[in-house]
Protein backbone atom coordinates (compact mmCIF):
# COMPACT_ATOMS: atom_id res chain seq x y z
CA LEU A 1 -101.94 -103.99 9.91
CA LEU A 2 -101.11 -101.95 6.38
CA LEU A 3 -101.45 -105.60 5.12
CA PRO A 4 -105.10 -106.23 5.08
CA ALA A 5 -105.82 -102.37 4.35
CA VAL A 6 -103.94 -102.75 1.14
CA GLN A 7 -105.46 -106.03 0.47
CA ALA A 8 -109.16 -104.77 0.95
CA ALA A 9 -108.22 -101.68 -1.54
CA ARG A 10 -107.61 -103.84 -4.09
CA GLU A 11 -110.19 -106.27 -3.80
CA ALA A 12 -112.85 -102.95 -3.93
CA ALA A 13 -110.69 -102.01 -7.23
CA ARG A 14 -111.52 -105.10 -8.46
CA ARG A 15 -114.93 -105.53 -7.41
CA VAL A 16 -115.71 -102.37 -9.41
CA GLN A 17 -114.21 -103.43 -12.43
CA CYS A 18 -115.99 -106.29 -12.49
CA GLN A 19 -119.30 -104.30 -11.98
CA ASN A 20 -118.29 -102.42 -15.16
CA ASN A 21 -117.61 -105.39 -16.85
CA LEU A 22 -121.26 -106.21 -16.48
CA LYS A 23 -122.54 -102.87 -17.14
CA GLN A 24 -120.74 -102.76 -20.17
CA LEU A 25 -122.00 -106.53 -21.43
CA ALA A 26 -125.53 -105.92 -20.64
CA LEU A 27 -125.41 -102.35 -22.60
CA ALA A 28 -124.03 -104.63 -25.45
CA ILE A 29 -126.65 -107.63 -25.03
CA ILE A 30 -129.42 -104.39 -24.81
CA GLY A 31 -127.94 -103.26 -27.66
CA HIS A 32 -128.64 -106.57 -29.93
CA GLU A 33 -131.97 -106.94 -28.71
CA GLU A 34 -132.92 -103.02 -29.48
CA VAL A 35 -130.66 -103.66 -32.99
CA LEU A 36 -132.22 -107.36 -34.02
CA GLY A 37 -135.68 -107.39 -32.06
CA HIS A 38 -134.28 -109.96 -29.45
CA TYR A 39 -131.67 -111.20 -26.82
CA PRO A 40 -128.61 -112.64 -28.13
CA THR A 41 -129.74 -116.36 -28.96
CA GLY A 42 -127.90 -119.11 -26.60
CA GLY A 43 -126.88 -121.25 -30.20
CA TRP A 44 -126.94 -124.88 -30.58
CA GLY A 45 -125.07 -126.76 -27.88
CA TRP A 46 -121.44 -127.24 -26.64
CA GLU A 47 -120.13 -128.76 -29.82
CA TRP A 48 -120.95 -125.69 -31.93
CA ILE A 49 -119.49 -122.08 -31.90
CA GLY A 50 -120.27 -118.98 -33.66
CA ASP A 51 -120.29 -118.52 -37.51
CA PRO A 52 -120.45 -115.35 -38.96
CA ASP A 53 -122.33 -116.41 -42.22
CA ARG A 54 -125.16 -117.50 -40.28
CA GLY A 55 -126.60 -114.69 -38.70
CA PHE A 56 -127.79 -113.88 -35.37
CA GLY A 57 -131.39 -116.20 -34.95
CA LEU A 58 -132.04 -119.45 -34.99
CA ARG A 59 -129.46 -120.72 -37.47
CA GLN A 60 -126.79 -119.59 -35.59
CA PRO A 61 -125.23 -122.16 -33.52
CA GLY A 62 -122.63 -119.86 -31.35
CA GLY A 63 -123.65 -118.55 -27.85
CA TRP A 64 -124.84 -114.94 -26.53
CA ALA A 65 -120.72 -113.95 -26.02
CA PHE A 66 -120.37 -114.25 -29.71
CA ASN A 67 -123.31 -112.60 -31.10
CA THR A 68 -122.46 -109.41 -28.77
CA LEU A 69 -119.31 -108.94 -30.09
CA PRO A 70 -120.45 -106.50 -32.99
CA TYR A 71 -122.16 -104.35 -30.09
CA MET A 72 -118.94 -104.47 -27.86
CA GLU A 73 -116.89 -102.87 -30.67
CA GLN A 74 -115.28 -106.21 -31.84
CA GLN A 75 -117.19 -106.80 -35.05
CA THR A 76 -113.67 -107.86 -37.01
CA LEU A 77 -113.47 -110.39 -34.33
CA HIS A 78 -117.29 -111.60 -35.16
CA ASP A 79 -116.67 -111.54 -38.57
CA ILE A 80 -113.12 -113.83 -38.64
CA GLY A 81 -113.86 -116.71 -41.38
CA ALA A 82 -116.90 -114.57 -42.57
CA GLY A 83 -116.78 -115.81 -46.79
CA GLU A 84 -114.80 -119.08 -46.25
CA THR A 85 -115.81 -122.56 -47.07
CA ASP A 86 -116.52 -125.07 -43.70
CA ALA A 87 -113.25 -126.14 -43.83
CA GLN A 88 -111.48 -122.96 -44.07
CA LYS A 89 -113.59 -121.78 -41.30
CA LYS A 90 -112.71 -124.74 -38.97
CA ILE A 91 -109.30 -123.18 -39.01
CA SER A 92 -109.86 -119.30 -38.67
CA ARG A 93 -112.42 -120.32 -35.89
CA MET A 94 -108.85 -120.73 -33.89
CA ARG A 95 -108.17 -117.40 -33.99
CA LEU A 96 -111.64 -116.06 -32.69
CA CYS A 97 -111.51 -118.67 -29.83
CA GLY A 98 -107.51 -118.02 -29.06
CA GLN A 99 -108.85 -114.11 -28.24
CA PRO A 100 -108.75 -113.46 -24.47
CA LEU A 101 -111.65 -110.15 -23.88
CA SER A 102 -111.04 -108.30 -20.75
CA MET A 103 -114.56 -107.29 -20.38
CA HIS A 104 -115.20 -111.25 -19.88
CA ASN A 105 -113.34 -111.74 -17.43
CA CYS A 106 -113.62 -111.10 -13.47
CA PRO A 107 -110.35 -109.51 -12.13
CA SER A 108 -110.87 -111.02 -8.63
CA ARG A 109 -110.96 -114.52 -10.47
CA ARG A 110 -108.57 -114.38 -12.85
CA GLN A 111 -106.88 -112.23 -16.24
CA ALA A 112 -107.97 -112.42 -19.46
CA LEU A 113 -105.65 -115.07 -20.68
CA LEU A 114 -105.95 -118.41 -22.85
CA PHE A 115 -106.25 -121.21 -21.05
CA PRO A 116 -106.18 -125.31 -21.42
CA ILE A 117 -108.31 -127.09 -23.87
CA ALA A 118 -108.66 -130.64 -22.23
CA TYR A 119 -107.92 -133.53 -25.11
CA SER A 120 -108.73 -136.38 -22.36
CA GLY A 121 -110.64 -137.10 -19.74
CA PRO A 122 -114.64 -136.69 -18.77
CA TYR A 123 -114.82 -133.14 -19.71
CA TYR A 124 -112.94 -132.95 -23.06
CA VAL A 125 -115.41 -130.96 -25.77
CA HIS A 126 -114.76 -131.69 -29.32
CA LYS A 127 -116.33 -128.83 -31.68
CA LEU A 128 -117.79 -129.46 -34.96
CA ASN A 129 -117.18 -126.51 -36.77
CA MET A 130 -113.49 -125.83 -35.13
CA SER A 131 -109.98 -127.85 -35.93
CA SER A 132 -109.03 -129.83 -33.06
CA ASP A 133 -105.52 -128.54 -32.95
CA ILE A 134 -106.44 -125.52 -30.83
CA THR A 135 -104.97 -126.14 -27.81
CA MET A 136 -105.92 -123.08 -25.87
CA ALA A 137 -108.94 -120.76 -25.52
CA ALA A 138 -110.35 -117.65 -23.72
CA ARG A 139 -112.82 -118.07 -21.34
CA GLY A 140 -115.64 -115.82 -19.43
CA ASP A 141 -116.53 -115.52 -15.82
CA TYR A 142 -120.08 -114.35 -16.71
CA ALA A 143 -123.05 -116.43 -17.77
CA MET A 144 -126.30 -115.31 -19.19
CA ASN A 145 -129.69 -116.09 -17.34
CA ALA A 146 -131.42 -119.04 -18.60
CA GLY A 147 -134.20 -119.30 -16.48
CA SER A 148 -135.27 -120.51 -13.07
CA GLN A 149 -135.33 -124.30 -13.95
CA ASN A 150 -132.72 -126.84 -13.03
CA ARG A 151 -130.57 -127.01 -16.30
CA SER A 152 -128.64 -124.71 -17.92
CA GLN A 153 -127.33 -126.36 -20.72
CA ILE A 154 -128.82 -129.38 -23.14
CA PRO A 155 -127.14 -132.82 -24.31
CA VAL A 156 -129.03 -132.54 -27.47
CA PHE A 157 -128.26 -131.02 -30.79
CA PRO A 158 -127.50 -131.44 -34.11
CA TYR A 159 -124.32 -132.98 -35.32
CA THR A 160 -124.24 -131.40 -38.72
CA LEU A 161 -125.45 -127.90 -40.22
CA GLN A 162 -127.77 -129.34 -42.48
CA GLN A 163 -129.38 -131.12 -39.52
CA GLY A 164 -130.09 -127.96 -38.18
CA ASP A 165 -131.41 -126.56 -40.79
CA ASN A 166 -133.84 -128.97 -41.40
CA PRO A 167 -137.44 -128.00 -40.39
CA ASN A 168 -137.85 -131.46 -38.88
CA TYR A 169 -135.04 -131.82 -37.09
CA PRO A 170 -135.87 -132.66 -33.25
CA TRP A 171 -135.18 -130.11 -31.16
CA PRO A 172 -135.41 -130.58 -27.53
CA ASP A 173 -138.40 -129.12 -25.52
CA VAL A 174 -137.50 -126.17 -23.82
CA SER A 175 -140.47 -124.72 -22.99
CA ASP A 176 -139.14 -125.04 -19.03
CA HIS A 177 -136.49 -122.47 -20.22
CA ASN A 178 -138.01 -119.01 -18.35
CA GLY A 179 -135.08 -116.90 -18.80
CA ILE A 180 -133.01 -114.77 -21.55
CA SER A 181 -130.65 -116.87 -23.25
CA TYR A 182 -130.72 -120.55 -24.16
CA GLN A 183 -130.68 -123.19 -26.57
CA ARG A 184 -132.10 -121.83 -29.92
CA SER A 185 -134.27 -118.30 -27.64
CA MET A 186 -135.25 -115.13 -29.67
CA ILE A 187 -136.53 -113.82 -26.84
CA ARG A 188 -137.96 -110.28 -27.21
CA VAL A 189 -137.92 -107.31 -24.60
CA ALA A 190 -141.74 -107.69 -24.46
CA GLN A 191 -141.80 -110.88 -23.42
CA VAL A 192 -140.06 -109.63 -20.28
CA SER A 193 -143.65 -109.48 -18.68
CA ASP A 194 -142.24 -109.56 -14.87
CA GLY A 195 -140.66 -105.86 -15.91
CA THR A 196 -137.03 -105.75 -17.25
CA SER A 197 -135.71 -104.06 -13.93
CA ASN A 198 -136.86 -107.20 -11.64
CA THR A 199 -135.24 -109.75 -14.08
CA TYR A 200 -131.65 -111.03 -14.09
CA LEU A 201 -129.78 -110.92 -17.49
CA VAL A 202 -126.12 -111.34 -17.04
CA GLY A 203 -124.26 -111.83 -14.02
CA GLU A 204 -121.39 -113.94 -12.53
CA LYS A 205 -120.81 -117.71 -12.40
CA TYR A 206 -119.74 -120.28 -9.91
CA LEU A 207 -116.56 -121.85 -10.18
CA ASN A 208 -114.13 -124.14 -8.02
CA PRO A 209 -111.20 -122.21 -7.62
CA ASP A 210 -108.91 -125.25 -8.26
CA ASP A 211 -109.90 -124.70 -11.92
CA TYR A 212 -109.97 -121.39 -12.51
CA LEU A 213 -106.56 -122.36 -14.90
CA THR A 214 -106.97 -126.22 -15.95
CA GLY A 215 -109.93 -126.30 -18.28
CA LEU A 216 -111.06 -129.46 -16.02
CA ASP A 217 -113.78 -128.29 -14.80
CA GLY A 218 -116.62 -129.47 -16.65
CA SER A 219 -118.83 -125.74 -16.82
CA ASP A 220 -115.29 -124.08 -17.83
CA ASN A 221 -114.27 -126.65 -20.14
CA SER A 222 -114.98 -124.86 -23.59
CA ASN A 223 -114.16 -121.71 -24.93
CA LEU A 224 -116.15 -118.08 -24.86
CA MET A 225 -117.70 -118.48 -28.41
CA THR A 226 -119.60 -122.04 -27.55
CA GLY A 227 -123.03 -122.34 -28.26
CA TYR A 228 -125.86 -123.16 -25.11
CA GLU A 229 -123.92 -125.06 -22.36
CA ASN A 230 -123.44 -124.15 -18.76
CA ASP A 231 -119.83 -122.55 -19.07
CA GLN A 232 -122.18 -119.50 -20.92
CA HIS A 233 -125.12 -119.72 -19.23
CA ARG A 234 -126.54 -120.34 -15.55
CA CYS A 235 -130.27 -120.79 -13.90
CA THR A 236 -131.66 -119.67 -10.68
CA TYR A 237 -132.77 -122.71 -9.41
CA SER A 238 -130.39 -122.81 -7.03
CA PRO A 239 -128.95 -120.24 -4.89
CA PRO A 240 -125.72 -118.10 -5.58
CA VAL A 241 -122.37 -119.35 -3.85
CA GLN A 242 -119.18 -118.04 -3.00
CA ASP A 243 -116.31 -119.98 -5.23
CA THR A 244 -115.45 -122.86 -2.67
CA GLN A 245 -112.13 -125.27 -3.17
CA GLY A 246 -112.91 -128.78 -4.03
CA SER A 247 -116.72 -127.63 -4.62
CA THR A 248 -117.72 -128.37 -8.15
CA VAL A 249 -121.51 -126.94 -9.19
CA TRP A 250 -122.22 -126.38 -12.96
CA ASP A 251 -125.78 -124.43 -13.04
CA TYR A 252 -125.24 -122.30 -10.12
CA PHE A 253 -124.54 -118.20 -10.18
CA GLY A 254 -121.30 -116.99 -8.22
CA SER A 255 -118.39 -115.60 -7.87
CA ALA A 256 -114.72 -114.92 -6.12
CA HIS A 257 -116.06 -112.16 -3.98
CA ALA A 258 -116.62 -112.28 -0.60
CA ASN A 259 -120.16 -111.52 0.67
CA GLY A 260 -122.30 -111.58 -3.13
CA LEU A 261 -121.71 -111.49 -6.60
CA HIS A 262 -123.00 -108.83 -9.26
CA MET A 263 -125.86 -109.22 -11.17
CA ALA A 264 -126.89 -107.13 -14.71
CA MET A 265 -130.86 -106.97 -14.92
CA CYS A 266 -132.48 -106.84 -18.50
CA ASP A 267 -132.98 -102.76 -17.60
CA GLY A 268 -129.13 -102.39 -17.64
CA SER A 269 -128.35 -101.98 -14.09
CA VAL A 270 -126.00 -103.63 -12.12
CA HIS A 271 -126.79 -105.04 -8.31
CA PHE A 272 -124.62 -106.49 -5.93
CA ILE A 273 -126.48 -109.57 -4.32
CA ASN A 274 -125.56 -111.08 -1.21
CA TYR A 275 -125.08 -114.74 -1.15
CA THR A 276 -127.85 -114.53 1.97
CA ILE A 277 -130.15 -113.45 -0.52
CA ASP A 278 -133.83 -115.31 -0.16
CA GLN A 279 -133.62 -118.01 -2.02
CA GLU A 280 -137.39 -117.59 -3.75
CA THR A 281 -136.42 -114.21 -4.93
CA HIS A 282 -133.19 -115.40 -6.28
CA ARG A 283 -135.33 -117.95 -8.49
CA ARG A 284 -137.75 -115.51 -9.29
CA LEU A 285 -135.66 -113.13 -10.36
CA GLY A 286 -134.52 -115.56 -13.06
CA ASN A 287 -138.12 -116.17 -14.31
CA ARG A 288 -139.36 -113.35 -16.69
CA GLU A 289 -142.78 -114.19 -16.34
CA ASP A 290 -144.00 -115.72 -13.69
CA GLY A 291 -145.85 -113.08 -12.50
CA MET A 292 -144.90 -113.21 -8.73
CA THR A 293 -144.11 -109.96 -7.37
CA ILE A 294 -140.66 -109.49 -5.90
CA ASP A 295 -139.82 -107.73 -2.84
CA GLY A 296 -136.72 -104.91 -3.57
CA LYS A 297 -135.47 -104.78 -0.20
CA SER A 298 -134.93 -108.88 -0.07
CA TYR A 299 -132.19 -108.34 -2.45
């Protein structure tokens, strides 16, 4: 009789910690917007990680987790490799990606540890600006809202910095993206026309429990500092779901918790969203500018 009660109490404590993690991440993201005038960019793509010498906007190949480091008291981590040559940075970035951050991990799912990099198979991801000598890297359990469209990564990006800096480079069309962070995004709070309290900012991502520790899930095979991909971004085209063994879906929000998941809004508030949320409501909460009304009682 005591064991279920103890387990329930422990899970309740883990849920509180998860909620606190998202609160702190939301405040860091909002701090970025307040200082720089836009939410963290999603970066260039899954083969790029952050570079401290390339600012916080269109020239920054790294994603939102990298760009928010200075706003969560991690300036030193952000600045690893600053001023070095590109060749030197490829080595330094192994230290950047090898630093677990407890704020980015849900304790109901896994601790802030280093996880293996798969160097073979379908989900191997080479990094263009980091040495391939890295074998372990930090990962996260939270994803920024990319929008209500049916994709949260784009398989097209430059393969050199020179390509990415070329004003004539044919970047993919992301006009269908209506969230807060995605490839080369620079969304301002004024563009959240549906209201900051009615728009998802960042929340828990779905993950197959079979691959919590393996690095073999295609939406959890990279590292925390990577550019735009579904390791770090999710969309609301599909409903949120609880982590389920044997089930791999790459674009969904979801969690290891029973009954629901935590989502932070653009106003910094954190809500526990039931898995039974009306799907149209969930979809609208991912769109910052659709102008559709949302019944607050439906989530």
